[in-house]
Structure formats: C-alpha cells, structure tokens
Amino acid sequence: MERASFEALDGFIWHNGEIVEWCEARLHVLSHSLHYGGAVFEGIRTYHGRMFKAREHFERFLRSAELMQYRIPYNVEALEAATYTAMQANGLAGDAYIRPIAWRGADFIGIGSPNPQINVSIAAFAWTMPYTPEKRENGVRLAISEWRRAPAEVFPPQAKSSPNYAIGTMSWNSAVARGFDDAVLLDTNGNVAESTGANLFFVRDGVLYTPTADCFLAGITRATILQIAESLGIRTVVGKATVDELMQADEVFLCGTAYEVLPVSAIEDRRYDSGTITRKIRATYRELVGSFG
C-alpha cells in the first residue's frame, strides 16, 4: 500500500518556535534555499519514545549550517526540547522518525544571501521501515552509479545538506530503473565511497572494512558500528577501497539511521551472503536500540 503524500498528513509540526498545523508548515516559493540549495537537515530515530543519539544529531545539524555559512538560532538543548514537544503534539510515544530542517528564507533572491532569515522546522511522524522484511533480512541489490562523489575541496561533505543529496537521488532513481534497490557511489578516483544515503561496510577474510569518509558524510550510525565492532573484537580497517576489493568481499552491508544495519545480497551481478560478522553486528545494534528508552 502506498503511503499518502506527506503534504496530506494530519498532525502538527514545530516551526520557528511554535507548534503549527501540519498543513500550515510551508515555505515561500522564493525561499533562497529552494532556488540555490543550502537547506540542512537530520534524520533521527526514536525508540520507545526517546531519540537515539539526539545530541550527536543536533550538534551535526548546527555544524552543517555553519559549513553552509549560516547560523541556526537555537542550541542543542532547545532543539531537543522542541522535538519532544512535536512528538507529544502528535501522540508519538513509541518508534518514530524525526526530520529537523533549516533553510534560508525569502528575504533575498540572488546567489548571495547576506544576513539571511533562517527558518527551522521539526517534523515527527510514525516510523515505517524501508524495504520488505525479506529484503531487510536477506539483503538488497545495488548497482554501481555512473555519478561520483565530489572531493572535499569542491563541496563540504560533512554538511548534511540538500545539495549533497542531489547526486544520491539521481543515482537511486537510475538504479531502481535498472531493477536494483539502491546504488554504490564511487569517488572521483574510482574508489568506493558509500550508497545513495547510507554508509557502506564490507568483510573480507574476517576483517571489517569501510571507506575513508573524505568525500561523503561520516554517519553517526557508521561511528556506532565501528564502536560495536571494537566491542566484539572484530578487526576493522578504515581506508581507501577499490571496486575490485568490494567485489571480492565475503559480506557487504549498509548502515544509517533509516537502514540500521542492512545486508547487501548483490552488487551488479556479484552475489553476497549475509555472513557471521554482518549478523553479529546487526544483532548487537538491534540490542542497543531495543534497550534504549
């Protein structure tokens, strides 16, 4: 069953310091960030009514705005309190998804944006897991995208901003049109980077590898997975990875706020099993978030 448009949902959104009707949380068509990019956002999961890694997410939210050359007029504590206000207004006491977003307003139209008006909204709504239970258990199929991640000197990769995700949308759409579930993006030198909206890990000969986050966002879930691997005594290597090394892997998985730990069953025509290390890390992550609350 297809979900109704988010625009048509009932409920409330925290917008610029107030709770407003869901349908009233709008931006003007001449908003600077709509025309020139620059919106920053987060995706946060709640488990049993509490946000997971809230401080890390909101600290990154503020840092992303600074990288995009503006300041969000709220601190971490105010944003956390606003989120729980939005959750309470929507009756969300269990698992939910939180989407904070900030953007430059419509006070100036042009490439530059001197002293912009900054808008901040926080939406909270019931969570629906991506993909079918079968794919979440046995893995998704990935294509290799023709689009590549830009180097850090072209655009700041650690800003979780709308311009950084345009290439992900293009790559995901192309992959799905070819019959895949998602895509792997490479860097400008042809090394493995990430998927369209999640970080990537692979296992070879019992060693866990993940690419260096020098051209893509170093995710909060990625950091959690590295901590889990250390706690489990799994040897981990963070560094450059070639496509050949990825194709020779024994196991591959994606990780992110939405995906949690998601096995990969194939990349192009190369197939993988959801092996021991993937299962251990996924089980440990589920225990971590399951006990949270």
C-alpha atoms as a PDB file:
ATOM      1  CA  MET A   1       0.000   0.000   0.000  1.00  0.00           C
ATOM      2  CA  GLU A   2       1.356   3.381  -0.984  1.00  0.00           C
ATOM      3  CA  ARG A   3       1.654   5.982   1.710  1.00  0.00           C
ATOM      4  CA  ALA A   4      -0.306   9.223   1.393  1.00  0.00           C
ATOM      5  CA  SER A   5       1.651  12.320   0.428  1.00  0.00           C
ATOM      6  CA  PHE A   6       3.403  13.834   3.413  1.00  0.00           C
ATOM      7  CA  GLU A   7       1.703  17.075   2.491  1.00  0.00           C
ATOM      8  CA  ALA A   8      -1.673  15.470   3.184  1.00  0.00           C
ATOM      9  CA  LEU A   9      -0.896  14.024   6.617  1.00  0.00           C
ATOM     10  CA  ASP A  10      -2.669  15.214   9.731  1.00  0.00           C
ATOM     11  CA  GLY A  11      -0.808  16.391  12.798  1.00  0.00           C
ATOM     12  CA  PHE A  12       1.477  19.149  13.946  1.00  0.00           C
ATOM     13  CA  ILE A  13       4.963  20.444  13.157  1.00  0.00           C
ATOM     14  CA  TRP A  14       7.267  22.586  15.268  1.00  0.00           C
ATOM     15  CA  HIS A  15       8.012  25.612  13.088  1.00  0.00           C
ATOM     16  CA  ASN A  16      10.124  28.610  14.113  1.00  0.00           C
ATOM     17  CA  GLY A  17       9.363  28.182  17.794  1.00  0.00           C
ATOM     18  CA  GLU A  18       5.673  27.288  17.582  1.00  0.00           C
ATOM     19  CA  ILE A  19       3.530  24.206  17.058  1.00  0.00           C
ATOM     20  CA  VAL A  20       1.520  24.685  13.875  1.00  0.00           C
ATOM     21  CA  GLU A  21      -0.967  22.584  11.954  1.00  0.00           C
ATOM     22  CA  TRP A  22       0.820  20.118   9.661  1.00  0.00           C
ATOM     23  CA  CYS A  23      -0.671  21.683   6.521  1.00  0.00           C
ATOM     24  CA  GLU A  24       0.418  25.178   7.619  1.00  0.00           C
ATOM     25  CA  ALA A  25       4.149  24.346   7.814  1.00  0.00           C
ATOM     26  CA  ARG A  26       5.140  25.834   4.470  1.00  0.00           C
ATOM     27  CA  LEU A  27       7.903  27.878   2.862  1.00  0.00           C
ATOM     28  CA  HIS A  28       7.576  30.646   0.304  1.00  0.00           C
ATOM     29  CA  VAL A  29       8.230  29.775  -3.334  1.00  0.00           C
ATOM     30  CA  LEU A  30      11.045  32.364  -3.378  1.00  0.00           C
ATOM     31  CA  SER A  31      12.901  30.878  -0.416  1.00  0.00           C
ATOM     32  CA  HIS A  32      16.621  31.156  -1.099  1.00  0.00           C
ATOM     33  CA  SER A  33      17.393  27.529  -0.238  1.00  0.00           C
ATOM     34  CA  LEU A  34      14.732  26.283  -2.648  1.00  0.00           C
ATOM     35  CA  HIS A  35      16.485  28.052  -5.530  1.00  0.00           C
ATOM     36  CA  TYR A  36      20.152  27.749  -4.598  1.00  0.00           C
ATOM     37  CA  GLY A  37      20.370  24.829  -2.193  1.00  0.00           C
ATOM     38  CA  GLY A  38      21.647  25.246   1.325  1.00  0.00           C
ATOM     39  CA  ALA A  39      18.973  23.586   3.423  1.00  0.00           C
ATOM     40  CA  VAL A  40      20.431  21.387   6.172  1.00  0.00           C
ATOM     41  CA  PHE A  41      18.596  18.553   7.854  1.00  0.00           C
ATOM     42  CA  GLU A  42      18.816  15.489  10.059  1.00  0.00           C
ATOM     43  CA  GLY A  43      17.110  12.121  10.251  1.00  0.00           C
ATOM     44  CA  ILE A  44      16.661  10.862  13.819  1.00  0.00           C
ATOM     45  CA  ARG A  45      15.007   7.684  15.053  1.00  0.00           C
ATOM     46  CA  THR A  46      13.125   7.366  18.313  1.00  0.00           C
ATOM     47  CA  TYR A  47      12.829   4.073  20.142  1.00  0.00           C
ATOM     48  CA  HIS A  48      10.288   3.697  22.949  1.00  0.00           C
ATOM     49  CA  GLY A  49       9.654   7.429  22.798  1.00  0.00           C
ATOM     50  CA  ARG A  50      13.264   8.603  23.101  1.00  0.00           C
ATOM     51  CA  MET A  51      15.618   9.913  20.438  1.00  0.00           C
ATOM     52  CA  PHE A  52      18.674   7.802  19.703  1.00  0.00           C
ATOM     53  CA  LYS A  53      21.920   9.829  19.657  1.00  0.00           C
ATOM     54  CA  ALA A  54      19.964  13.099  19.847  1.00  0.00           C
ATOM     55  CA  ARG A  55      22.895  15.264  20.911  1.00  0.00           C
ATOM     56  CA  GLU A  56      25.145  13.932  18.144  1.00  0.00           C
ATOM     57  CA  HIS A  57      22.445  14.592  15.541  1.00  0.00           C
ATOM     58  CA  PHE A  58      21.671  18.130  16.677  1.00  0.00           C
ATOM     59  CA  GLU A  59      25.346  19.022  17.043  1.00  0.00           C
ATOM     60  CA  ARG A  60      25.823  17.931  13.439  1.00  0.00           C
ATOM     61  CA  PHE A  61      22.715  19.915  12.458  1.00  0.00           C
ATOM     62  CA  LEU A  62      24.285  23.091  13.848  1.00  0.00           C
ATOM     63  CA  ARG A  63      27.670  22.270  12.335  1.00  0.00           C
ATOM     64  CA  SER A  64      26.111  21.618   8.916  1.00  0.00           C
ATOM     65  CA  ALA A  65      24.542  25.082   8.933  1.00  0.00           C
ATOM     66  CA  GLU A  66      27.884  26.661   9.839  1.00  0.00           C
ATOM     67  CA  LEU A  67      29.519  24.838   6.920  1.00  0.00           C
ATOM     68  CA  MET A  68      26.764  26.252   4.702  1.00  0.00           C
ATOM     69  CA  GLN A  69      27.623  29.708   6.108  1.00  0.00           C
ATOM     70  CA  TYR A  70      24.680  30.469   8.338  1.00  0.00           C
ATOM     71  CA  ARG A  71      23.718  30.022  11.961  1.00  0.00           C
ATOM     72  CA  ILE A  72      20.686  28.184  13.334  1.00  0.00           C
ATOM     73  CA  PRO A  73      19.157  30.370  16.087  1.00  0.00           C
ATOM     74  CA  TYR A  74      18.657  27.508  18.576  1.00  0.00           C
ATOM     75  CA  ASN A  75      21.085  25.446  20.636  1.00  0.00           C
ATOM     76  CA  VAL A  76      21.098  21.668  21.039  1.00  0.00           C
ATOM     77  CA  GLU A  77      19.010  21.694  24.220  1.00  0.00           C
ATOM     78  CA  ALA A  78      16.332  23.908  22.637  1.00  0.00           C
ATOM     79  CA  LEU A  79      16.146  21.670  19.574  1.00  0.00           C
ATOM     80  CA  GLU A  80      15.816  18.530  21.700  1.00  0.00           C
ATOM     81  CA  ALA A  81      13.018  20.143  23.746  1.00  0.00           C
ATOM     82  CA  ALA A  82      11.264  21.284  20.560  1.00  0.00           C
ATOM     83  CA  THR A  83      11.410  17.754  19.175  1.00  0.00           C
ATOM     84  CA  TYR A  84       9.765  16.237  22.232  1.00  0.00           C
ATOM     85  CA  THR A  85       7.118  18.965  22.023  1.00  0.00           C
ATOM     86  CA  ALA A  86       6.413  17.947  18.420  1.00  0.00           C
ATOM     87  CA  MET A  87       6.290  14.277  19.394  1.00  0.00           C
ATOM     88  CA  GLN A  88       3.855  14.978  22.213  1.00  0.00           C
ATOM     89  CA  ALA A  89       1.651  17.072  19.923  1.00  0.00           C
ATOM     90  CA  ASN A  90       1.453  14.120  17.529  1.00  0.00           C
ATOM     91  CA  GLY A  91       0.925  11.494  20.225  1.00  0.00           C
ATOM     92  CA  LEU A  92       4.186   9.691  19.425  1.00  0.00           C
ATOM     93  CA  ALA A  93       5.243   7.648  22.437  1.00  0.00           C
ATOM     94  CA  GLY A  94       6.898   4.761  20.595  1.00  0.00           C
ATOM     95  CA  ASP A  95       9.063   4.383  17.498  1.00  0.00           C
ATOM     96  CA  ALA A  96       9.065   7.435  15.246  1.00  0.00           C
ATOM     97  CA  TYR A  97      11.106   9.371  12.740  1.00  0.00           C
ATOM     98  CA  ILE A  98      12.243  12.957  13.300  1.00  0.00           C
ATOM     99  CA  ARG A  99      13.146  15.339  10.484  1.00  0.00           C
ATOM    100  CA  PRO A 100      14.633  18.690  11.562  1.00  0.00           C
ATOM    101  CA  ILE A 101      15.358  21.060   8.686  1.00  0.00           C
ATOM    102  CA  ALA A 102      16.694  24.614   8.433  1.00  0.00           C
ATOM    103  CA  TRP A 103      16.755  26.866   5.390  1.00  0.00           C
ATOM    104  CA  ARG A 104      17.365  30.395   4.195  1.00  0.00           C
ATOM    105  CA  GLY A 105      14.125  32.331   3.767  1.00  0.00           C
ATOM    106  CA  ALA A 106      12.691  34.564   1.052  1.00  0.00           C
ATOM    107  CA  ASP A 107      14.185  37.854   2.202  1.00  0.00           C
ATOM    108  CA  PHE A 108      16.748  37.880  -0.615  1.00  0.00           C
ATOM    109  CA  ILE A 109      16.811  36.370  -4.106  1.00  0.00           C
ATOM    110  CA  GLY A 110      20.231  36.004  -5.706  1.00  0.00           C
ATOM    111  CA  ILE A 111      23.330  33.839  -5.387  1.00  0.00           C
ATOM    112  CA  GLY A 112      24.466  35.615  -2.252  1.00  0.00           C
ATOM    113  CA  SER A 113      22.447  35.722   0.932  1.00  0.00           C
ATOM    114  CA  PRO A 114      23.591  38.480   3.315  1.00  0.00           C
ATOM    115  CA  ASN A 115      22.173  38.201   6.834  1.00  0.00           C
ATOM    116  CA  PRO A 116      19.516  35.672   5.798  1.00  0.00           C
ATOM    117  CA  GLN A 117      16.313  34.896   7.654  1.00  0.00           C
ATOM    118  CA  ILE A 118      16.721  31.329   8.923  1.00  0.00           C
ATOM    119  CA  ASN A 119      13.692  29.076   9.258  1.00  0.00           C
ATOM    120  CA  VAL A 120      13.709  25.886  11.334  1.00  0.00           C
ATOM    121  CA  SER A 121      11.071  23.160  11.349  1.00  0.00           C
ATOM    122  CA  ILE A 122      10.913  19.793  13.099  1.00  0.00           C
ATOM    123  CA  ALA A 123       8.531  17.114  11.841  1.00  0.00           C
ATOM    124  CA  ALA A 124       7.801  13.955  13.841  1.00  0.00           C
ATOM    125  CA  PHE A 125       5.795  11.062  12.458  1.00  0.00           C
ATOM    126  CA  ALA A 126       5.239   7.334  12.875  1.00  0.00           C
ATOM    127  CA  TRP A 127       8.069   5.220  11.506  1.00  0.00           C
ATOM    128  CA  THR A 128       7.740   2.787   8.598  1.00  0.00           C
ATOM    129  CA  MET A 129      10.742   0.564   7.891  1.00  0.00           C
ATOM    130  CA  PRO A 130      12.202   0.757   4.377  1.00  0.00           C
ATOM    131  CA  TYR A 131      12.097  -2.355   2.219  1.00  0.00           C
ATOM    132  CA  THR A 132      10.228  -5.576   2.809  1.00  0.00           C
ATOM    133  CA  PRO A 133      11.003  -7.872   5.769  1.00  0.00           C
ATOM    134  CA  GLU A 134      12.547 -10.320   3.294  1.00  0.00           C
ATOM    135  CA  LYS A 135      14.963  -7.708   1.919  1.00  0.00           C
ATOM    136  CA  ARG A 136      15.810  -6.410   5.373  1.00  0.00           C
ATOM    137  CA  GLU A 137      16.697  -9.960   6.383  1.00  0.00           C
ATOM    138  CA  ASN A 138      18.379 -11.297   3.240  1.00  0.00           C
ATOM    139  CA  GLY A 139      19.721  -8.149   1.644  1.00  0.00           C
ATOM    140  CA  VAL A 140      19.222  -5.562  -1.077  1.00  0.00           C
ATOM    141  CA  ARG A 141      20.688  -5.406  -4.564  1.00  0.00           C
ATOM    142  CA  LEU A 142      22.932  -2.486  -5.515  1.00  0.00           C
ATOM    143  CA  ALA A 143      24.001  -1.046  -8.839  1.00  0.00           C
ATOM    144  CA  ILE A 144      27.185   0.963  -9.281  1.00  0.00           C
ATOM    145  CA  SER A 145      26.264   4.537 -10.103  1.00  0.00           C
ATOM    146  CA  GLU A 146      27.687   6.466 -13.022  1.00  0.00           C
ATOM    147  CA  TRP A 147      27.720   9.553 -10.767  1.00  0.00           C
ATOM    148  CA  ARG A 148      30.624  10.134  -8.394  1.00  0.00           C
ATOM    149  CA  ARG A 149      31.053  11.926  -5.102  1.00  0.00           C
ATOM    150  CA  ALA A 150      32.800  15.290  -5.346  1.00  0.00           C
ATOM    151  CA  PRO A 151      36.046  15.770  -3.386  1.00  0.00           C
ATOM    152  CA  ALA A 152      36.054  17.876  -0.218  1.00  0.00           C
ATOM    153  CA  GLU A 153      37.654  20.833  -1.982  1.00  0.00           C
ATOM    154  CA  VAL A 154      34.584  21.050  -4.244  1.00  0.00           C
ATOM    155  CA  PHE A 155      31.892  20.889  -1.552  1.00  0.00           C
ATOM    156  CA  PRO A 156      31.981  20.208   2.224  1.00  0.00           C
ATOM    157  CA  PRO A 157      30.966  16.533   2.557  1.00  0.00           C
ATOM    158  CA  GLN A 158      30.386  16.748   6.314  1.00  0.00           C
ATOM    159  CA  ALA A 159      27.474  19.154   5.807  1.00  0.00           C
ATOM    160  CA  LYS A 160      24.249  17.158   5.825  1.00  0.00           C
ATOM    161  CA  SER A 161      22.734  19.496   3.274  1.00  0.00           C
ATOM    162  CA  SER A 162      20.328  19.273   0.379  1.00  0.00           C
ATOM    163  CA  PRO A 163      22.970  19.868  -2.355  1.00  0.00           C
ATOM    164  CA  ASN A 164      24.923  16.848  -1.129  1.00  0.00           C
ATOM    165  CA  TYR A 165      21.903  14.592  -1.655  1.00  0.00           C
ATOM    166  CA  ALA A 166      21.001  15.564  -5.224  1.00  0.00           C
ATOM    167  CA  ILE A 167      23.502  13.049  -6.611  1.00  0.00           C
ATOM    168  CA  GLY A 168      22.035  10.398  -4.303  1.00  0.00           C
ATOM    169  CA  THR A 169      18.551  10.982  -5.685  1.00  0.00           C
ATOM    170  CA  MET A 170      19.816  10.759  -9.258  1.00  0.00           C
ATOM    171  CA  SER A 171      21.800   7.594  -8.543  1.00  0.00           C
ATOM    172  CA  TRP A 172      18.935   5.924  -6.647  1.00  0.00           C
ATOM    173  CA  ASN A 173      16.440   6.661  -9.424  1.00  0.00           C
ATOM    174  CA  SER A 174      18.808   5.271 -12.066  1.00  0.00           C
ATOM    175  CA  ALA A 175      19.466   2.119 -10.030  1.00  0.00           C
ATOM    176  CA  VAL A 176      15.767   1.447  -9.406  1.00  0.00           C
ATOM    177  CA  ALA A 177      15.035   1.968 -13.115  1.00  0.00           C
ATOM    178  CA  ARG A 178      17.517  -0.848 -13.779  1.00  0.00           C
ATOM    179  CA  GLY A 179      15.772  -3.163 -11.295  1.00  0.00           C
ATOM    180  CA  PHE A 180      18.085  -2.630  -8.295  1.00  0.00           C
ATOM    181  CA  ASP A 181      17.222  -1.375  -4.810  1.00  0.00           C
ATOM    182  CA  ASP A 182      19.951   1.243  -4.351  1.00  0.00           C
ATOM    183  CA  ALA A 183      23.344   2.239  -5.694  1.00  0.00           C
ATOM    184  CA  VAL A 184      27.016   2.415  -4.753  1.00  0.00           C
ATOM    185  CA  LEU A 185      28.711   5.755  -5.414  1.00  0.00           C
ATOM    186  CA  LEU A 186      32.433   5.994  -6.118  1.00  0.00           C
ATOM    187  CA  ASP A 187      34.766   8.933  -5.524  1.00  0.00           C
ATOM    188  CA  THR A 188      36.401  10.904  -8.331  1.00  0.00           C
ATOM    189  CA  ASN A 189      39.328   8.435  -8.409  1.00  0.00           C
ATOM    190  CA  GLY A 190      37.021   5.437  -8.787  1.00  0.00           C
ATOM    191  CA  ASN A 191      37.323   4.208  -5.210  1.00  0.00           C
ATOM    192  CA  VAL A 192      34.289   3.061  -3.224  1.00  0.00           C
ATOM    193  CA  ALA A 193      32.507   5.806  -1.284  1.00  0.00           C
ATOM    194  CA  GLU A 194      29.010   4.956   0.000  1.00  0.00           C
ATOM    195  CA  SER A 195      25.465   4.269  -1.134  1.00  0.00           C
ATOM    196  CA  THR A 196      22.956   6.990  -2.029  1.00  0.00           C
ATOM    197  CA  GLY A 197      22.102   7.772   1.599  1.00  0.00           C
ATOM    198  CA  ALA A 198      23.924   5.266   3.798  1.00  0.00           C
ATOM    199  CA  ASN A 199      27.486   4.298   4.658  1.00  0.00           C
ATOM    200  CA  LEU A 200      28.969   1.036   3.429  1.00  0.00           C
ATOM    201  CA  PHE A 201      30.964  -1.742   5.117  1.00  0.00           C
ATOM    202  CA  PHE A 202      32.328  -4.980   3.727  1.00  0.00           C
ATOM    203  CA  VAL A 203      34.001  -8.061   5.192  1.00  0.00           C
ATOM    204  CA  ARG A 204      36.874  -9.998   3.712  1.00  0.00           C
ATOM    205  CA  ASP A 205      38.711 -12.845   5.425  1.00  0.00           C
ATOM    206  CA  GLY A 206      37.172 -11.896   8.770  1.00  0.00           C
ATOM    207  CA  VAL A 207      38.269  -8.244   8.602  1.00  0.00           C
ATOM    208  CA  LEU A 208      35.725  -5.413   8.503  1.00  0.00           C
ATOM    209  CA  TYR A 209      36.441  -2.585   6.050  1.00  0.00           C
ATOM    210  CA  THR A 210      34.817   0.787   5.490  1.00  0.00           C
ATOM    211  CA  PRO A 211      35.919   3.597   3.145  1.00  0.00           C
ATOM    212  CA  THR A 212      37.555   6.750   4.476  1.00  0.00           C
ATOM    213  CA  ALA A 213      34.904   9.462   4.802  1.00  0.00           C
ATOM    214  CA  ASP A 214      36.788  12.158   2.905  1.00  0.00           C
ATOM    215  CA  CYS A 215      34.160  12.850   0.226  1.00  0.00           C
ATOM    216  CA  PHE A 216      30.973  11.758   1.964  1.00  0.00           C
ATOM    217  CA  LEU A 217      29.232  12.179   5.296  1.00  0.00           C
ATOM    218  CA  ALA A 218      30.752  10.188   8.166  1.00  0.00           C
ATOM    219  CA  GLY A 219      27.486   8.922   9.589  1.00  0.00           C
ATOM    220  CA  ILE A 220      26.514   8.689  13.242  1.00  0.00           C
ATOM    221  CA  THR A 221      25.397   5.097  12.687  1.00  0.00           C
ATOM    222  CA  ARG A 222      28.755   4.408  10.997  1.00  0.00           C
ATOM    223  CA  ALA A 223      30.539   5.582  14.147  1.00  0.00           C
ATOM    224  CA  THR A 224      28.274   3.347  16.229  1.00  0.00           C
ATOM    225  CA  ILE A 225      29.095   0.332  14.024  1.00  0.00           C
ATOM    226  CA  LEU A 226      32.817   0.971  14.443  1.00  0.00           C
ATOM    227  CA  GLN A 227      32.306   1.035  18.236  1.00  0.00           C
ATOM    228  CA  ILE A 228      30.289  -2.187  18.086  1.00  0.00           C
ATOM    229  CA  ALA A 229      32.977  -3.900  16.004  1.00  0.00           C
ATOM    230  CA  GLU A 230      35.622  -2.922  18.556  1.00  0.00           C
ATOM    231  CA  SER A 231      33.476  -4.249  21.408  1.00  0.00           C
ATOM    232  CA  LEU A 232      33.074  -7.557  19.548  1.00  0.00           C
ATOM    233  CA  GLY A 233      36.811  -7.856  18.891  1.00  0.00           C
ATOM    234  CA  ILE A 234      36.389  -7.568  15.122  1.00  0.00           C
ATOM    235  CA  ARG A 235      39.444  -6.185  13.358  1.00  0.00           C
ATOM    236  CA  THR A 236      38.463  -3.059  11.413  1.00  0.00           C
ATOM    237  CA  VAL A 237      40.240  -1.144   8.656  1.00  0.00           C
ATOM    238  CA  VAL A 238      39.179   2.369   7.616  1.00  0.00           C
ATOM    239  CA  GLY A 239      40.798   3.345   4.332  1.00  0.00           C
ATOM    240  CA  LYS A 240      40.545   3.555   0.579  1.00  0.00           C
ATOM    241  CA  ALA A 241      38.771   0.616  -1.048  1.00  0.00           C
ATOM    242  CA  THR A 242      38.711  -0.280  -4.727  1.00  0.00           C
ATOM    243  CA  VAL A 243      35.757  -1.694  -6.614  1.00  0.00           C
ATOM    244  CA  ASP A 244      37.731  -4.929  -7.107  1.00  0.00           C
ATOM    245  CA  GLU A 245      38.175  -5.242  -3.325  1.00  0.00           C
ATOM    246  CA  LEU A 246      34.470  -4.668  -2.811  1.00  0.00           C
ATOM    247  CA  MET A 247      33.593  -7.263  -5.426  1.00  0.00           C
ATOM    248  CA  GLN A 248      35.911  -9.786  -3.753  1.00  0.00           C
ATOM    249  CA  ALA A 249      34.309  -9.274  -0.334  1.00  0.00           C
ATOM    250  CA  ASP A 250      32.580 -12.062   1.564  1.00  0.00           C
ATOM    251  CA  GLU A 251      29.880  -9.845   3.086  1.00  0.00           C
ATOM    252  CA  VAL A 252      28.601  -6.318   2.452  1.00  0.00           C
ATOM    253  CA  PHE A 253      26.156  -4.195   4.428  1.00  0.00           C
ATOM    254  CA  LEU A 254      24.834  -0.639   4.574  1.00  0.00           C
ATOM    255  CA  CYS A 255      24.175   1.350   7.703  1.00  0.00           C
ATOM    256  CA  GLY A 256      22.302   4.515   8.572  1.00  0.00           C
ATOM    257  CA  THR A 257      19.553   5.922  10.743  1.00  0.00           C
ATOM    258  CA  ALA A 258      16.819   4.610   8.451  1.00  0.00           C
ATOM    259  CA  TYR A 259      18.500   1.361   7.391  1.00  0.00           C
ATOM    260  CA  GLU A 260      20.091   0.488  10.752  1.00  0.00           C
ATOM    261  CA  VAL A 261      22.217  -2.469   9.530  1.00  0.00           C
ATOM    262  CA  LEU A 262      21.017  -3.666   6.125  1.00  0.00           C
ATOM    263  CA  PRO A 263      22.666  -6.650   4.391  1.00  0.00           C
ATOM    264  CA  VAL A 264      23.567  -6.450   0.704  1.00  0.00           C
ATOM    265  CA  SER A 265      22.764  -9.522  -1.357  1.00  0.00           C
ATOM    266  CA  ALA A 266      24.284  -8.346  -4.660  1.00  0.00           C
ATOM    267  CA  ILE A 267      26.252  -5.573  -6.323  1.00  0.00           C
ATOM    268  CA  GLU A 268      25.590  -5.655 -10.051  1.00  0.00           C
ATOM    269  CA  ASP A 269      25.940  -9.399 -10.843  1.00  0.00           C
ATOM    270  CA  ARG A 270      28.155 -10.261  -7.826  1.00  0.00           C
ATOM    271  CA  ARG A 271      26.214 -12.008  -5.055  1.00  0.00           C
ATOM    272  CA  TYR A 272      26.953 -11.999  -1.321  1.00  0.00           C
ATOM    273  CA  ASP A 273      25.760 -13.899   1.737  1.00  0.00           C
ATOM    274  CA  SER A 274      24.659 -12.266   4.968  1.00  0.00           C
ATOM    275  CA  GLY A 275      27.541 -13.758   6.907  1.00  0.00           C
ATOM    276  CA  THR A 276      28.562 -14.146  10.523  1.00  0.00           C
ATOM    277  CA  ILE A 277      30.028 -10.687  11.057  1.00  0.00           C
ATOM    278  CA  THR A 278      27.067  -8.877   9.480  1.00  0.00           C
ATOM    279  CA  ARG A 279      24.664 -10.899  11.624  1.00  0.00           C
ATOM    280  CA  LYS A 280      26.660 -10.234  14.805  1.00  0.00           C
ATOM    281  CA  ILE A 281      26.848  -6.501  14.195  1.00  0.00           C
ATOM    282  CA  ARG A 282      23.186  -6.282  13.231  1.00  0.00           C
ATOM    283  CA  ALA A 283      22.104  -8.237  16.313  1.00  0.00           C
ATOM    284  CA  THR A 284      24.238  -6.061  18.591  1.00  0.00           C
ATOM    285  CA  TYR A 285      22.868  -2.882  17.021  1.00  0.00           C
ATOM    286  CA  ARG A 286      19.305  -4.117  17.465  1.00  0.00           C
ATOM    287  CA  GLU A 287      20.010  -4.913  21.101  1.00  0.00           C
ATOM    288  CA  LEU A 288      21.424  -1.421  21.554  1.00  0.00           C
ATOM    289  CA  VAL A 289      18.427   0.424  20.115  1.00  0.00           C
ATOM    290  CA  GLY A 290      15.965  -2.111  21.530  1.00  0.00           C
ATOM    291  CA  SER A 291      17.171  -1.464  25.062  1.00  0.00           C
ATOM    292  CA  PHE A 292      17.088   2.296  24.514  1.00  0.00           C
ATOM    293  CA  GLY A 293      14.243   4.138  26.151  1.00  0.00           C
END
